[in-house]
């Protein structure tokens, strides 16, 4: 049996406690591209984090540029 990503074992929870810092954690390839582009365009400090258990995940990603809306997460 595999193990899921655990929030208590990550560094991004430390960054999330710092005022003014936005933290993005992708859950699928589509969000990874959109939120990474949004993080690059954001004028504020954004920490983009990936859990190593998700690095081999495959999924559909459009070729054109698009951005996710940081702060409007999909759950």
Protein backbone atom coordinates (compact mmCIF):
# COMPACT_ATOMS: atom_id res chain seq x y z
CA UNK A 1 0.00 0.00 0.00
CA UNK A 2 1.22 3.50 -0.82
CA UNK A 3 1.24 6.52 1.41
CA UNK A 4 -0.42 9.84 0.75
CA UNK A 5 1.29 13.21 1.07
CA UNK A 6 1.10 14.34 4.69
CA UNK A 7 0.92 18.08 5.39
CA UNK A 8 2.74 17.73 8.71
CA UNK A 9 5.81 16.30 6.95
CA UNK A 10 6.28 19.17 4.50
CA UNK A 11 8.05 22.52 4.49
CA UNK A 12 5.24 24.45 2.82
CA UNK A 13 3.26 24.53 6.06
CA UNK A 14 6.08 26.66 7.53
CA UNK A 15 5.84 29.15 4.63
CA UNK A 16 2.05 29.26 4.96
CA UNK A 17 2.41 30.68 8.47
CA UNK A 18 4.40 33.71 7.24
CA UNK A 19 2.19 36.80 6.64
CA UNK A 20 2.10 37.95 3.02
CA UNK A 21 3.47 34.72 1.57
CA UNK A 22 1.25 32.76 -0.81
CA UNK A 23 1.76 29.01 -0.95
CA UNK A 24 0.74 26.91 -3.95
CA UNK A 25 0.72 23.12 -3.78
CA UNK A 26 -0.35 21.40 -6.94
CA UNK A 27 -2.54 18.32 -6.96
CA UNK A 28 -2.51 17.48 -10.68
CA UNK A 29 -0.59 18.42 -13.85
CA UNK A 30 -3.24 20.89 -15.07
CA UNK A 31 -3.07 22.89 -11.83
CA UNK A 32 0.72 22.64 -11.76
CA UNK A 33 1.07 24.51 -15.05
CA UNK A 34 -1.65 27.07 -14.36
CA UNK A 35 -0.51 27.89 -10.84
CA UNK A 36 3.19 27.98 -11.76
CA UNK A 37 2.45 30.55 -14.48
CA UNK A 38 0.26 32.50 -12.04
CA UNK A 39 3.04 32.42 -9.42
CA UNK A 40 5.55 33.80 -11.93
CA UNK A 41 3.20 36.66 -12.84
CA UNK A 42 2.27 37.47 -9.22
CA UNK A 43 3.92 40.57 -7.73
CA UNK A 44 3.93 39.00 -4.26
CA UNK A 45 6.13 36.25 -2.86
CA UNK A 46 4.74 32.87 -3.91
CA UNK A 47 6.15 29.53 -2.78
CA UNK A 48 5.39 26.81 -5.34
CA UNK A 49 5.72 23.35 -3.81
CA UNK A 50 5.43 19.86 -5.21
CA UNK A 51 5.24 16.71 -3.16
CA UNK A 52 7.58 14.04 -4.48
CA UNK A 53 4.76 11.48 -4.40
CA UNK A 54 3.00 13.47 -7.16
CA UNK A 55 5.97 13.98 -9.51
CA UNK A 56 5.14 10.98 -11.71
CA UNK A 57 1.47 11.88 -12.06
CA UNK A 58 0.30 12.21 -15.67
CA UNK A 59 -2.63 14.18 -17.00
CA UNK A 60 -3.97 16.42 -19.73
CA UNK A 61 -2.38 19.87 -19.96
CA UNK A 62 -3.28 22.38 -22.71
CA UNK A 63 -0.37 23.67 -24.81
CA UNK A 64 -1.50 27.30 -24.61
CA UNK A 65 -0.64 29.45 -21.63
CA UNK A 66 -3.27 29.73 -18.92
CA UNK A 67 -3.09 30.70 -15.29
CA UNK A 68 -4.83 29.37 -12.24
CA UNK A 69 -6.32 31.81 -9.79
CA UNK A 70 -4.23 31.70 -6.63
CA UNK A 71 -6.58 31.84 -3.66
CA UNK A 72 -9.39 30.09 -5.57
CA UNK A 73 -8.36 26.52 -4.97
CA UNK A 74 -10.21 23.51 -6.21
CA UNK A 75 -10.84 20.97 -3.48
